[in-house]
Amino acid sequence: MSLASDSIAAQFEPLFAQLERERELSDAIREKAKDLDRLYRSLSSLLNSVHSNKGSEFAKIAERSLPLWSQVRAKVAELAELIPEDGFYRWCDEFSQPLRNLTSSIALIVLFWAWAR
């Protein structure tokens, strides 16, 4: 009986290994998405200071966001390295919300720059 169970376990070993690799990839992608969300929260906090400043300060607020954007670019590049070439649609639910939030922040910064001109 143990010979049969060893044979069955051996047949499923590649499947278990593949599932483990996918779980590790999912965890890594989720962690990068959390990093992006943390950066968005920092950026959002900075951009929300427009409510307590005059319109003439908007360009300065946008300028103060630039160091955060270099971090965002680096984190997005790290995330892009993790995603398999043909796996975008499989994994996009893990990181789409932080990317949407960051995109809206970009639009707000562009608006601030336009306002300052």
C-alpha atoms as a PDB file:
ATOM      1  CA  MET A   1       0.000   0.000   0.000  1.00  0.00           C
ATOM      2  CA  SER A   2       2.808   2.431   0.761  1.00  0.00           C
ATOM      3  CA  LEU A   3       4.290   1.742  -2.659  1.00  0.00           C
ATOM      4  CA  ALA A   4       1.033   2.860  -4.290  1.00  0.00           C
ATOM      5  CA  SER A   5       0.815   5.997  -2.155  1.00  0.00           C
ATOM      6  CA  ASP A   6       4.455   6.835  -2.930  1.00  0.00           C
ATOM      7  CA  SER A   7       3.682   6.443  -6.627  1.00  0.00           C
ATOM      8  CA  ILE A   8       0.669   8.749  -6.380  1.00  0.00           C
ATOM      9  CA  ALA A   9       2.645  11.331  -4.405  1.00  0.00           C
ATOM     10  CA  ALA A  10       5.406  11.203  -7.009  1.00  0.00           C
ATOM     11  CA  GLN A  11       2.883  11.857  -9.760  1.00  0.00           C
ATOM     12  CA  PHE A  12       1.556  14.941  -8.000  1.00  0.00           C
ATOM     13  CA  GLU A  13       4.954  16.297  -6.948  1.00  0.00           C
ATOM     14  CA  PRO A  14       5.382  18.508 -10.073  1.00  0.00           C
ATOM     15  CA  LEU A  15       1.895  19.943  -9.542  1.00  0.00           C
ATOM     16  CA  PHE A  16       2.642  20.726  -5.901  1.00  0.00           C
ATOM     17  CA  ALA A  17       5.910  22.393  -6.899  1.00  0.00           C
ATOM     18  CA  GLN A  18       4.128  24.516  -9.509  1.00  0.00           C
ATOM     19  CA  LEU A  19       1.441  25.541  -7.013  1.00  0.00           C
ATOM     20  CA  GLU A  20       4.124  26.513  -4.504  1.00  0.00           C
ATOM     21  CA  ARG A  21       5.934  28.664  -7.106  1.00  0.00           C
ATOM     22  CA  GLU A  22       2.657  30.386  -7.986  1.00  0.00           C
ATOM     23  CA  ARG A  23       1.918  31.051  -4.319  1.00  0.00           C
ATOM     24  CA  GLU A  24       5.372  32.568  -3.858  1.00  0.00           C
ATOM     25  CA  LEU A  25       4.874  34.732  -6.958  1.00  0.00           C
ATOM     26  CA  SER A  26       1.461  35.829  -5.703  1.00  0.00           C
ATOM     27  CA  ASP A  27       2.949  36.791  -2.334  1.00  0.00           C
ATOM     28  CA  ALA A  28       5.758  38.749  -3.999  1.00  0.00           C
ATOM     29  CA  ILE A  29       3.330  40.604  -6.293  1.00  0.00           C
ATOM     30  CA  ARG A  30       1.033  41.367  -3.379  1.00  0.00           C
ATOM     31  CA  GLU A  31       3.973  42.759  -1.389  1.00  0.00           C
ATOM     32  CA  LYS A  32       4.974  45.058  -4.278  1.00  0.00           C
ATOM     33  CA  ALA A  33       1.348  46.190  -4.543  1.00  0.00           C
ATOM     34  CA  LYS A  34       1.410  47.032  -0.828  1.00  0.00           C
ATOM     35  CA  ASP A  35       4.588  49.049  -1.390  1.00  0.00           C
ATOM     36  CA  LEU A  36       2.843  50.980  -4.175  1.00  0.00           C
ATOM     37  CA  ASP A  37      -0.150  51.559  -1.923  1.00  0.00           C
ATOM     38  CA  ARG A  38       2.111  52.931   0.834  1.00  0.00           C
ATOM     39  CA  LEU A  39       3.695  55.309  -1.661  1.00  0.00           C
ATOM     40  CA  TYR A  40       0.239  56.372  -2.846  1.00  0.00           C
ATOM     41  CA  ARG A  41      -0.792  57.136   0.733  1.00  0.00           C
ATOM     42  CA  SER A  42       2.316  59.275   1.246  1.00  0.00           C
ATOM     43  CA  LEU A  43       1.676  61.052  -2.024  1.00  0.00           C
ATOM     44  CA  SER A  44      -1.996  61.526  -1.238  1.00  0.00           C
ATOM     45  CA  SER A  45      -1.142  63.026   2.128  1.00  0.00           C
ATOM     46  CA  LEU A  46       1.196  65.484   0.445  1.00  0.00           C
ATOM     47  CA  LEU A  47      -1.299  66.378  -2.279  1.00  0.00           C
ATOM     48  CA  ASN A  48      -4.096  66.884   0.241  1.00  0.00           C
ATOM     49  CA  SER A  49      -2.158  69.823   1.628  1.00  0.00           C
ATOM     50  CA  VAL A  50      -3.630  71.877  -1.244  1.00  0.00           C
ATOM     51  CA  HIS A  51      -6.726  72.292   0.913  1.00  0.00           C
ATOM     52  CA  SER A  52      -4.762  74.355   3.418  1.00  0.00           C
ATOM     53  CA  ASN A  53      -2.666  76.358   0.930  1.00  0.00           C
ATOM     54  CA  LYS A  54      -3.264  79.097  -1.568  1.00  0.00           C
ATOM     55  CA  GLY A  55      -3.390  78.429  -5.298  1.00  0.00           C
ATOM     56  CA  SER A  56       0.022  80.003  -5.700  1.00  0.00           C
ATOM     57  CA  GLU A  57       1.478  77.143  -3.615  1.00  0.00           C
ATOM     58  CA  PHE A  58       0.179  74.354  -5.868  1.00  0.00           C
ATOM     59  CA  ALA A  59       3.332  74.215  -7.991  1.00  0.00           C
ATOM     60  CA  LYS A  60       5.482  73.865  -4.860  1.00  0.00           C
ATOM     61  CA  ILE A  61       3.305  71.023  -3.648  1.00  0.00           C
ATOM     62  CA  ALA A  62       3.641  69.289  -7.010  1.00  0.00           C
ATOM     63  CA  GLU A  63       7.394  69.848  -6.897  1.00  0.00           C
ATOM     64  CA  ARG A  64       7.619  68.252  -3.446  1.00  0.00           C
ATOM     65  CA  SER A  65       5.978  65.143  -4.890  1.00  0.00           C
ATOM     66  CA  LEU A  66       8.804  64.536  -7.376  1.00  0.00           C
ATOM     67  CA  PRO A  67      11.031  62.484  -5.009  1.00  0.00           C
ATOM     68  CA  LEU A  68       8.097  60.191  -4.294  1.00  0.00           C
ATOM     69  CA  TRP A  69       7.590  59.652  -8.022  1.00  0.00           C
ATOM     70  CA  SER A  70      11.116  58.351  -8.437  1.00  0.00           C
ATOM     71  CA  GLN A  71      10.308  55.774  -5.753  1.00  0.00           C
ATOM     72  CA  VAL A  72       7.025  54.933  -7.503  1.00  0.00           C
ATOM     73  CA  ARG A  73       8.839  54.388 -10.801  1.00  0.00           C
ATOM     74  CA  ALA A  74      11.333  52.080  -9.102  1.00  0.00           C
ATOM     75  CA  LYS A  75       8.570  50.044  -7.435  1.00  0.00           C
ATOM     76  CA  VAL A  76       6.601  49.758 -10.681  1.00  0.00           C
ATOM     77  CA  ALA A  77       9.766  48.525 -12.414  1.00  0.00           C
ATOM     78  CA  GLU A  78      10.260  45.920  -9.674  1.00  0.00           C
ATOM     79  CA  LEU A  79       6.643  44.840 -10.058  1.00  0.00           C
ATOM     80  CA  ALA A  80       6.999  44.601 -13.838  1.00  0.00           C
ATOM     81  CA  GLU A  81       9.971  42.267 -13.410  1.00  0.00           C
ATOM     82  CA  LEU A  82       7.844  39.904 -11.321  1.00  0.00           C
ATOM     83  CA  ILE A  83       4.945  39.598 -13.761  1.00  0.00           C
ATOM     84  CA  PRO A  84       5.426  36.745 -16.240  1.00  0.00           C
ATOM     85  CA  GLU A  85       5.448  37.861 -19.872  1.00  0.00           C
ATOM     86  CA  ASP A  86       2.100  36.274 -20.625  1.00  0.00           C
ATOM     87  CA  GLY A  87       0.618  36.649 -17.130  1.00  0.00           C
ATOM     88  CA  PHE A  88      -0.561  40.249 -16.924  1.00  0.00           C
ATOM     89  CA  TYR A  89      -4.279  39.473 -16.942  1.00  0.00           C
ATOM     90  CA  ARG A  90      -3.838  36.643 -14.487  1.00  0.00           C
ATOM     91  CA  TRP A  91      -2.127  38.832 -11.893  1.00  0.00           C
ATOM     92  CA  CYS A  92      -3.474  42.330 -12.604  1.00  0.00           C
ATOM     93  CA  ASP A  93      -6.117  42.176  -9.861  1.00  0.00           C
ATOM     94  CA  GLU A  94      -3.309  42.095  -7.309  1.00  0.00           C
ATOM     95  CA  PHE A  95      -1.963  45.525  -8.252  1.00  0.00           C
ATOM     96  CA  SER A  96      -4.573  47.361 -10.335  1.00  0.00           C
ATOM     97  CA  GLN A  97      -6.051  49.422  -7.478  1.00  0.00           C
ATOM     98  CA  PRO A  98      -2.744  50.977  -6.358  1.00  0.00           C
ATOM     99  CA  LEU A  99      -1.923  51.763 -10.003  1.00  0.00           C
ATOM    100  CA  ARG A 100      -5.330  53.425 -10.469  1.00  0.00           C
ATOM    101  CA  ASN A 101      -4.770  55.518  -7.359  1.00  0.00           C
ATOM    102  CA  LEU A 102      -1.324  56.569  -8.527  1.00  0.00           C
ATOM    103  CA  THR A 103      -2.691  57.454 -11.958  1.00  0.00           C
ATOM    104  CA  SER A 104      -5.249  59.778 -10.401  1.00  0.00           C
ATOM    105  CA  SER A 105      -2.442  61.400  -8.412  1.00  0.00           C
ATOM    106  CA  ILE A 106      -0.496  61.976 -11.625  1.00  0.00           C
ATOM    107  CA  ALA A 107      -3.540  63.688 -13.114  1.00  0.00           C
ATOM    108  CA  LEU A 108      -3.835  65.897 -10.040  1.00  0.00           C
ATOM    109  CA  ILE A 109      -0.165  66.883 -10.225  1.00  0.00           C
ATOM    110  CA  VAL A 110      -0.515  67.753 -13.915  1.00  0.00           C
ATOM    111  CA  LEU A 111      -3.499  69.887 -12.947  1.00  0.00           C
ATOM    112  CA  PHE A 112      -1.407  71.638 -10.279  1.00  0.00           C
ATOM    113  CA  TRP A 113       1.343  72.375 -12.804  1.00  0.00           C
ATOM    114  CA  ALA A 114      -1.229  73.752 -15.245  1.00  0.00           C
ATOM    115  CA  TRP A 115      -2.818  75.847 -12.490  1.00  0.00           C
ATOM    116  CA  ALA A 116       0.549  77.378 -11.631  1.00  0.00           C
ATOM    117  CA  ARG A 117       1.163  78.646 -15.155  1.00  0.00           C
END
